[in-house]
Amino acid sequence: MTVRRLVIACGLIGGLHTVAFAQQDAVSLDGSWTGRTAQGQSIAFRIEAGSMRMLDLDWTMDLEQLCPGRTGSAPGGPGRIERGEIYYFHPQVKGSEPPPIRFPTFTVSRGVDIPQVPITLVLSGSFGSDSTVSGEMALTATGCSGRETLTWKAGRKTASVR
């Protein structure tokens, strides 16, 4: 093989590689996604223009110890927190900017200040296709022992044609 043919062949292979990455980045994930967590709770989110605009979660977390000085902590034992959270993300509101969602993976982290104890919620996902996603939700109590990690799966709602 001549040097010229080798350069052309490498250029073609490199070009195909670039096209594959361009196609991967071009996957539109916009739409409404709904599913269930391993706890049987609901998870829903909406993606617009490549960013998460709404996240709706139901979850349960067991605290490993009594959290002194916090309301909702039952005396004499650890507590259970059952919550439903809806987050709306707004580009113009500092601290509430819409997190970017890209194929094939994403991570969203938010603080949840509730009477029992502040919680950090980290939601990570991996798209299996442009219509399926699964991942993990980690809940960690701040200043009180408690951590819950659970899996979840969701699919994109398709618009009905009438």
Protein backbone atom coordinates (compact mmCIF):
# COMPACT_ATOMS: atom_id res chain seq x y z
CA MET A 1 0.00 0.00 0.00
CA THR A 2 1.38 3.39 -0.92
CA VAL A 3 1.63 6.19 1.60
CA ARG A 4 -1.04 8.12 -0.29
CA ARG A 5 -3.52 5.19 -0.12
CA LEU A 6 -2.72 4.71 3.58
CA VAL A 7 -3.45 8.40 4.30
CA ILE A 8 -6.73 8.22 2.34
CA ALA A 9 -7.78 5.02 4.14
CA CYS A 10 -6.99 6.52 7.55
CA GLY A 11 -8.92 9.67 6.60
CA LEU A 12 -11.97 7.61 5.63
CA ILE A 13 -11.86 5.60 8.86
CA GLY A 14 -11.43 8.79 10.90
CA GLY A 15 -14.32 10.39 8.99
CA LEU A 16 -16.60 7.45 9.79
CA HIS A 17 -15.59 7.69 13.43
CA THR A 18 -16.48 11.40 13.44
CA VAL A 19 -19.84 10.69 11.78
CA ALA A 20 -20.62 8.07 14.45
CA PHE A 21 -19.93 10.60 17.23
CA ALA A 22 -21.96 13.28 15.44
CA GLN A 23 -24.92 10.90 15.16
CA GLN A 24 -24.60 9.97 18.82
CA ASP A 25 -24.70 13.65 19.84
CA ALA A 26 -27.67 14.28 17.55
CA VAL A 27 -29.99 11.92 19.48
CA SER A 28 -32.95 13.99 20.66
CA LEU A 29 -34.10 13.06 24.15
CA ASP A 30 -36.74 15.79 24.35
CA GLY A 31 -40.11 14.70 25.68
CA SER A 32 -41.79 13.32 28.79
CA TRP A 33 -40.26 10.26 30.48
CA THR A 34 -42.09 8.16 33.08
CA GLY A 35 -41.29 5.02 35.02
CA ARG A 36 -40.87 3.31 38.38
CA THR A 37 -38.19 2.96 41.02
CA ALA A 38 -37.20 -0.29 42.74
CA GLN A 39 -39.43 0.87 45.63
CA GLY A 40 -42.43 0.83 43.27
CA GLN A 41 -42.60 4.64 43.40
CA SER A 42 -43.07 6.87 40.36
CA ILE A 43 -40.39 8.84 38.54
CA ALA A 44 -41.13 11.33 35.77
CA PHE A 45 -39.12 14.02 34.05
CA ARG A 46 -39.40 16.32 31.06
CA ILE A 47 -36.54 17.20 28.75
CA GLU A 48 -36.73 20.29 26.53
CA ALA A 49 -33.95 21.53 24.24
CA GLY A 50 -31.52 19.01 25.74
CA SER A 51 -32.08 20.09 29.38
CA MET A 52 -34.21 18.70 32.20
CA ARG A 53 -37.04 21.15 32.92
CA MET A 54 -39.08 19.13 35.44
CA LEU A 55 -38.32 16.19 37.74
CA ASP A 56 -41.07 14.46 39.75
CA LEU A 57 -39.98 11.76 42.23
CA ASP A 58 -41.60 9.74 44.99
CA TRP A 59 -39.21 8.06 47.43
CA THR A 60 -38.87 6.52 50.88
CA MET A 61 -35.76 6.63 53.05
CA ASP A 62 -35.10 5.02 56.43
CA LEU A 63 -32.84 6.96 58.79
CA GLU A 64 -30.32 4.83 60.67
CA GLN A 65 -30.51 6.87 63.86
CA LEU A 66 -32.52 9.49 65.70
CA CYS A 67 -31.81 12.97 64.35
CA PRO A 68 -31.74 15.23 67.42
CA GLY A 69 -33.35 18.64 67.20
CA ARG A 70 -35.23 17.98 63.98
CA THR A 71 -39.01 17.85 63.77
CA GLY A 72 -40.43 14.62 62.50
CA SER A 73 -37.77 12.50 64.22
CA ALA A 74 -39.62 10.09 66.43
CA PRO A 75 -38.16 9.79 69.94
CA GLY A 76 -36.81 6.37 70.69
CA GLY A 77 -35.81 5.27 67.24
CA PRO A 78 -34.90 5.96 63.68
CA GLY A 79 -37.45 7.42 61.35
CA ARG A 80 -38.81 6.83 57.90
CA ILE A 81 -39.13 9.67 55.43
CA GLU A 82 -41.66 9.35 52.63
CA ARG A 83 -41.61 12.16 50.10
CA GLY A 84 -42.82 13.30 46.77
CA GLU A 85 -40.64 15.95 45.18
CA ILE A 86 -41.27 18.04 42.08
CA TYR A 87 -38.44 20.20 40.79
CA TYR A 88 -38.87 22.83 38.11
CA PHE A 89 -35.70 24.13 36.52
CA HIS A 90 -35.56 27.71 35.20
CA PRO A 91 -32.64 29.16 33.19
CA GLN A 92 -33.06 32.63 34.75
CA VAL A 93 -33.16 31.48 38.40
CA LYS A 94 -29.72 31.11 40.01
CA GLY A 95 -29.31 27.65 41.55
CA SER A 96 -32.23 26.28 39.56
CA GLU A 97 -30.67 26.14 36.10
CA PRO A 98 -31.87 23.21 33.96
CA PRO A 99 -29.26 20.42 34.05
CA PRO A 100 -28.11 19.31 30.58
CA ILE A 101 -29.17 15.79 29.59
CA ARG A 102 -26.98 14.16 26.96
CA PHE A 103 -26.87 10.73 25.38
CA PRO A 104 -25.72 8.26 26.71
CA THR A 105 -25.50 9.26 30.43
CA PHE A 106 -26.46 12.06 32.82
CA THR A 107 -26.33 13.03 36.51
CA VAL A 108 -28.57 15.49 38.36
CA SER A 109 -27.89 16.49 41.98
CA ARG A 110 -30.22 18.51 44.22
CA GLY A 111 -30.57 19.29 47.90
CA VAL A 112 -33.90 18.54 49.61
CA ASP A 113 -34.48 20.50 52.82
CA ILE A 114 -37.21 18.76 54.79
CA PRO A 115 -38.14 19.05 58.50
CA GLN A 116 -36.60 15.68 59.44
CA VAL A 117 -33.12 16.26 57.99
CA PRO A 118 -31.54 17.81 54.87
CA ILE A 119 -31.14 15.22 52.08
CA THR A 120 -28.89 15.22 49.02
CA LEU A 121 -30.48 13.51 46.04
CA VAL A 122 -28.31 12.32 43.15
CA LEU A 123 -30.09 10.91 40.12
CA SER A 124 -27.99 9.25 37.43
CA GLY A 125 -29.23 7.65 34.25
CA SER A 126 -28.03 5.78 31.22
CA PHE A 127 -30.03 5.74 27.99
CA GLY A 128 -30.40 2.30 26.43
CA SER A 129 -31.92 3.92 23.34
CA ASP A 130 -33.79 7.10 22.46
CA SER A 131 -36.87 5.66 24.22
CA THR A 132 -35.51 3.83 27.31
CA VAL A 133 -33.44 4.95 30.28
CA SER A 134 -32.47 3.36 33.58
CA GLY A 135 -30.31 4.42 36.46
CA GLU A 136 -29.76 4.89 40.14
CA MET A 137 -31.08 7.34 42.72
CA ALA A 138 -28.94 7.94 45.81
CA LEU A 139 -30.40 9.72 48.85
CA THR A 140 -27.99 10.78 51.59
CA ALA A 141 -28.97 12.43 54.88
CA THR A 142 -26.77 15.32 55.97
CA GLY A 143 -25.87 15.45 59.67
CA CYS A 144 -27.72 12.22 60.45
CA SER A 145 -26.92 8.66 59.38
CA GLY A 146 -29.08 7.62 56.50
CA ARG A 147 -28.50 6.52 52.93
CA GLU A 148 -30.78 4.89 50.39
CA THR A 149 -29.73 3.78 46.92
CA LEU A 150 -32.27 2.42 44.49
CA THR A 151 -32.55 1.68 40.80
CA TRP A 152 -35.15 3.03 38.40
CA LYS A 153 -36.35 2.57 34.80
CA ALA A 154 -38.34 4.86 32.53
CA GLY A 155 -39.53 5.20 28.97
CA ARG A 156 -40.41 8.14 26.80
CA LYS A 157 -44.10 8.83 26.32
CA THR A 158 -45.04 8.89 22.68
CA ALA A 159 -47.43 11.52 21.44
CA SER A 160 -50.69 10.08 20.18
CA VAL A 161 -51.65 10.94 16.62
CA ARG A 162 -55.31 11.78 16.04
